[in-house]
Amino acid sequence: MKTRIADLRKERKLSQAELANIVGVTRQTITSIETEKYIASLPLAYKISKYFGLKIEDVFVLNEEEEK
């Protein structure tokens, strides 16, 4: 699953550690989500999206071709 987290984070001049602290996870979790090695849980996706003031689907992009 692709995300816009890295771009959104950089726009706000936030480090991975700062965002992780804000949403209550480790920096490694944010790194793994950004590099597509981990898919965020729905509650975490909601927290991240809410922090950026966006809808979940505006932050997380489901690649439907991979799901088929």
N, C-alpha and C. Protein backbone atom coordinates (compact mmCIF):
# COMPACT_ATOMS: atom_id res chain seq x y z
N MET A 1 0.84 -1.17 0.00
CA MET A 1 0.00 0.00 0.00
C MET A 1 0.89 1.24 0.00
N LYS A 2 0.66 2.09 -0.93
CA LYS A 2 1.43 3.32 -1.03
C LYS A 2 0.84 4.37 -0.08
N THR A 3 1.72 5.25 0.38
CA THR A 3 1.26 6.33 1.25
C THR A 3 1.90 7.65 0.84
N ARG A 4 1.30 8.71 1.30
CA ARG A 4 1.85 10.05 1.09
C ARG A 4 2.50 10.58 2.36
N ILE A 5 2.70 9.71 3.34
CA ILE A 5 3.18 10.14 4.65
C ILE A 5 4.51 10.88 4.56
N ALA A 6 5.47 10.34 3.83
CA ALA A 6 6.78 10.99 3.74
C ALA A 6 6.66 12.41 3.20
N ASP A 7 5.89 12.57 2.13
CA ASP A 7 5.72 13.91 1.55
C ASP A 7 5.01 14.86 2.51
N LEU A 8 3.95 14.37 3.13
CA LEU A 8 3.20 15.21 4.07
C LEU A 8 4.06 15.59 5.26
N ARG A 9 4.84 14.64 5.73
CA ARG A 9 5.72 14.87 6.87
C ARG A 9 6.78 15.92 6.53
N LYS A 10 7.37 15.80 5.35
CA LYS A 10 8.41 16.75 4.92
C LYS A 10 7.84 18.14 4.71
N GLU A 11 6.60 18.23 4.21
CA GLU A 11 5.96 19.54 4.04
C GLU A 11 5.85 20.26 5.38
N ARG A 12 5.63 19.51 6.44
CA ARG A 12 5.49 20.09 7.78
C ARG A 12 6.80 20.10 8.56
N LYS A 13 7.87 19.69 7.88
CA LYS A 13 9.21 19.65 8.50
C LYS A 13 9.22 18.81 9.78
N LEU A 14 8.58 17.64 9.69
CA LEU A 14 8.53 16.70 10.81
C LEU A 14 9.48 15.54 10.54
N SER A 15 10.17 15.10 11.56
CA SER A 15 10.97 13.89 11.42
C SER A 15 10.06 12.68 11.61
N GLN A 16 10.56 11.52 11.23
CA GLN A 16 9.79 10.29 11.46
C GLN A 16 9.54 10.11 12.95
N ALA A 17 10.53 10.41 13.77
CA ALA A 17 10.40 10.25 15.21
C ALA A 17 9.33 11.19 15.77
N GLU A 18 9.27 12.41 15.28
CA GLU A 18 8.26 13.36 15.76
C GLU A 18 6.85 12.89 15.41
N LEU A 19 6.67 12.45 14.16
CA LEU A 19 5.35 11.95 13.77
C LEU A 19 4.99 10.71 14.58
N ALA A 20 5.95 9.82 14.76
CA ALA A 20 5.72 8.61 15.55
C ALA A 20 5.25 8.97 16.96
N ASN A 21 5.91 9.94 17.57
CA ASN A 21 5.54 10.37 18.92
C ASN A 21 4.12 10.94 18.94
N ILE A 22 3.77 11.70 17.94
CA ILE A 22 2.44 12.31 17.87
C ILE A 22 1.34 11.26 17.79
N VAL A 23 1.57 10.21 16.98
CA VAL A 23 0.52 9.20 16.77
C VAL A 23 0.69 7.97 17.67
N GLY A 24 1.72 7.95 18.50
CA GLY A 24 1.86 6.91 19.50
C GLY A 24 2.46 5.59 19.02
N VAL A 25 3.41 5.67 18.09
CA VAL A 25 4.11 4.46 17.62
C VAL A 25 5.61 4.74 17.63
N THR A 26 6.40 3.76 17.22
CA THR A 26 7.84 3.96 17.15
C THR A 26 8.23 4.56 15.80
N ARG A 27 9.42 5.12 15.77
CA ARG A 27 9.94 5.65 14.51
C ARG A 27 10.04 4.54 13.48
N GLN A 28 10.41 3.35 13.93
CA GLN A 28 10.55 2.21 13.02
C GLN A 28 9.22 1.87 12.34
N THR A 29 8.12 2.06 13.06
CA THR A 29 6.81 1.81 12.46
C THR A 29 6.55 2.79 11.33
N ILE A 30 6.84 4.06 11.55
CA ILE A 30 6.66 5.07 10.49
C ILE A 30 7.56 4.75 9.31
N THR A 31 8.80 4.37 9.58
CA THR A 31 9.73 4.00 8.50
C THR A 31 9.17 2.83 7.70
N SER A 32 8.68 1.83 8.38
CA SER A 32 8.15 0.63 7.70
C SER A 32 6.92 0.95 6.86
N ILE A 33 6.07 1.84 7.35
CA ILE A 33 4.89 2.24 6.58
C ILE A 33 5.33 3.02 5.34
N GLU A 34 6.26 3.94 5.51
CA GLU A 34 6.72 4.76 4.37
C GLU A 34 7.41 3.91 3.31
N THR A 35 8.09 2.86 3.71
CA THR A 35 8.81 2.01 2.74
C THR A 35 7.97 0.82 2.28
N GLU A 36 6.70 0.83 2.65
CA GLU A 36 5.74 -0.20 2.23
C GLU A 36 6.08 -1.60 2.74
N LYS A 37 6.76 -1.68 3.88
CA LYS A 37 7.05 -2.98 4.47
C LYS A 37 6.01 -3.35 5.52
N TYR A 38 5.17 -2.41 5.87
CA TYR A 38 4.15 -2.62 6.90
C TYR A 38 2.92 -1.82 6.50
N ILE A 39 1.75 -2.41 6.68
CA ILE A 39 0.50 -1.70 6.40
C ILE A 39 -0.08 -1.26 7.73
N ALA A 40 -0.37 0.01 7.82
CA ALA A 40 -0.90 0.58 9.07
C ALA A 40 -2.26 -0.03 9.41
N SER A 41 -2.49 -0.25 10.68
CA SER A 41 -3.81 -0.68 11.13
C SER A 41 -4.80 0.46 10.87
N LEU A 42 -6.07 0.13 10.87
CA LEU A 42 -7.07 1.16 10.64
C LEU A 42 -7.02 2.26 11.70
N PRO A 43 -6.90 1.92 12.99
CA PRO A 43 -6.80 3.01 13.99
C PRO A 43 -5.56 3.90 13.78
N LEU A 44 -4.44 3.30 13.40
CA LEU A 44 -3.23 4.10 13.15
C LEU A 44 -3.40 4.94 11.90
N ALA A 45 -3.96 4.37 10.85
CA ALA A 45 -4.21 5.14 9.62
C ALA A 45 -5.11 6.33 9.92
N TYR A 46 -6.10 6.12 10.77
CA TYR A 46 -7.00 7.20 11.16
C TYR A 46 -6.25 8.30 11.92
N LYS A 47 -5.40 7.91 12.87
CA LYS A 47 -4.63 8.90 13.64
C LYS A 47 -3.72 9.72 12.74
N ILE A 48 -3.03 9.05 11.82
CA ILE A 48 -2.11 9.75 10.91
C ILE A 48 -2.89 10.71 10.02
N SER A 49 -3.97 10.22 9.44
CA SER A 49 -4.78 11.06 8.55
C SER A 49 -5.37 12.25 9.29
N LYS A 50 -5.86 12.00 10.50
CA LYS A 50 -6.45 13.07 11.30
C LYS A 50 -5.41 14.13 11.63
N TYR A 51 -4.20 13.71 11.95
CA TYR A 51 -3.14 14.67 12.25
C TYR A 51 -2.90 15.60 11.06
N PHE A 52 -2.89 15.04 9.86
CA PHE A 52 -2.65 15.86 8.66
C PHE A 52 -3.90 16.57 8.17
N GLY A 53 -5.03 16.31 8.80
CA GLY A 53 -6.28 16.98 8.41
C GLY A 53 -6.82 16.46 7.09
N LEU A 54 -6.56 15.19 6.80
CA LEU A 54 -6.98 14.60 5.53
C LEU A 54 -7.81 13.34 5.78
N LYS A 55 -8.51 12.89 4.73
CA LYS A 55 -9.22 11.61 4.81
C LYS A 55 -8.20 10.49 4.62
N ILE A 56 -8.50 9.33 5.16
CA ILE A 56 -7.59 8.19 5.06
C ILE A 56 -7.21 7.93 3.60
N GLU A 57 -8.18 7.97 2.71
CA GLU A 57 -7.90 7.67 1.30
C GLU A 57 -7.04 8.73 0.62
N ASP A 58 -6.87 9.88 1.27
CA ASP A 58 -5.98 10.91 0.73
C ASP A 58 -4.54 10.72 1.20
N VAL A 59 -4.34 9.87 2.20
CA VAL A 59 -3.00 9.59 2.73
C VAL A 59 -2.52 8.20 2.30
N PHE A 60 -3.44 7.24 2.30
CA PHE A 60 -3.11 5.86 1.96
C PHE A 60 -3.77 5.50 0.64
N VAL A 61 -2.97 4.98 -0.30
CA VAL A 61 -3.48 4.64 -1.62
C VAL A 61 -3.42 3.14 -1.81
N LEU A 62 -4.58 2.51 -1.90
CA LEU A 62 -4.63 1.08 -2.12
C LEU A 62 -4.36 0.78 -3.58
N ASN A 63 -3.37 -0.05 -3.83
CA ASN A 63 -3.05 -0.47 -5.18
C ASN A 63 -3.92 -1.68 -5.48
N GLU A 64 -5.06 -1.45 -6.13
CA GLU A 64 -6.02 -2.52 -6.35
C GLU A 64 -5.50 -3.63 -7.25
N GLU A 65 -4.53 -3.34 -8.09
CA GLU A 65 -3.95 -4.38 -8.94
C GLU A 65 -3.27 -5.45 -8.08
N GLU A 66 -2.65 -5.05 -6.97
CA GLU A 66 -1.98 -6.01 -6.09
C GLU A 66 -2.97 -6.90 -5.38
N GLU A 67 -4.19 -6.44 -5.20
CA GLU A 67 -5.21 -7.19 -4.46
C GLU A 67 -5.84 -8.28 -5.30
N LYS A 68 -5.72 -8.21 -6.62
CA LYS A 68 -6.37 -9.20 -7.50
C LYS A 68 -5.58 -10.46 -7.62
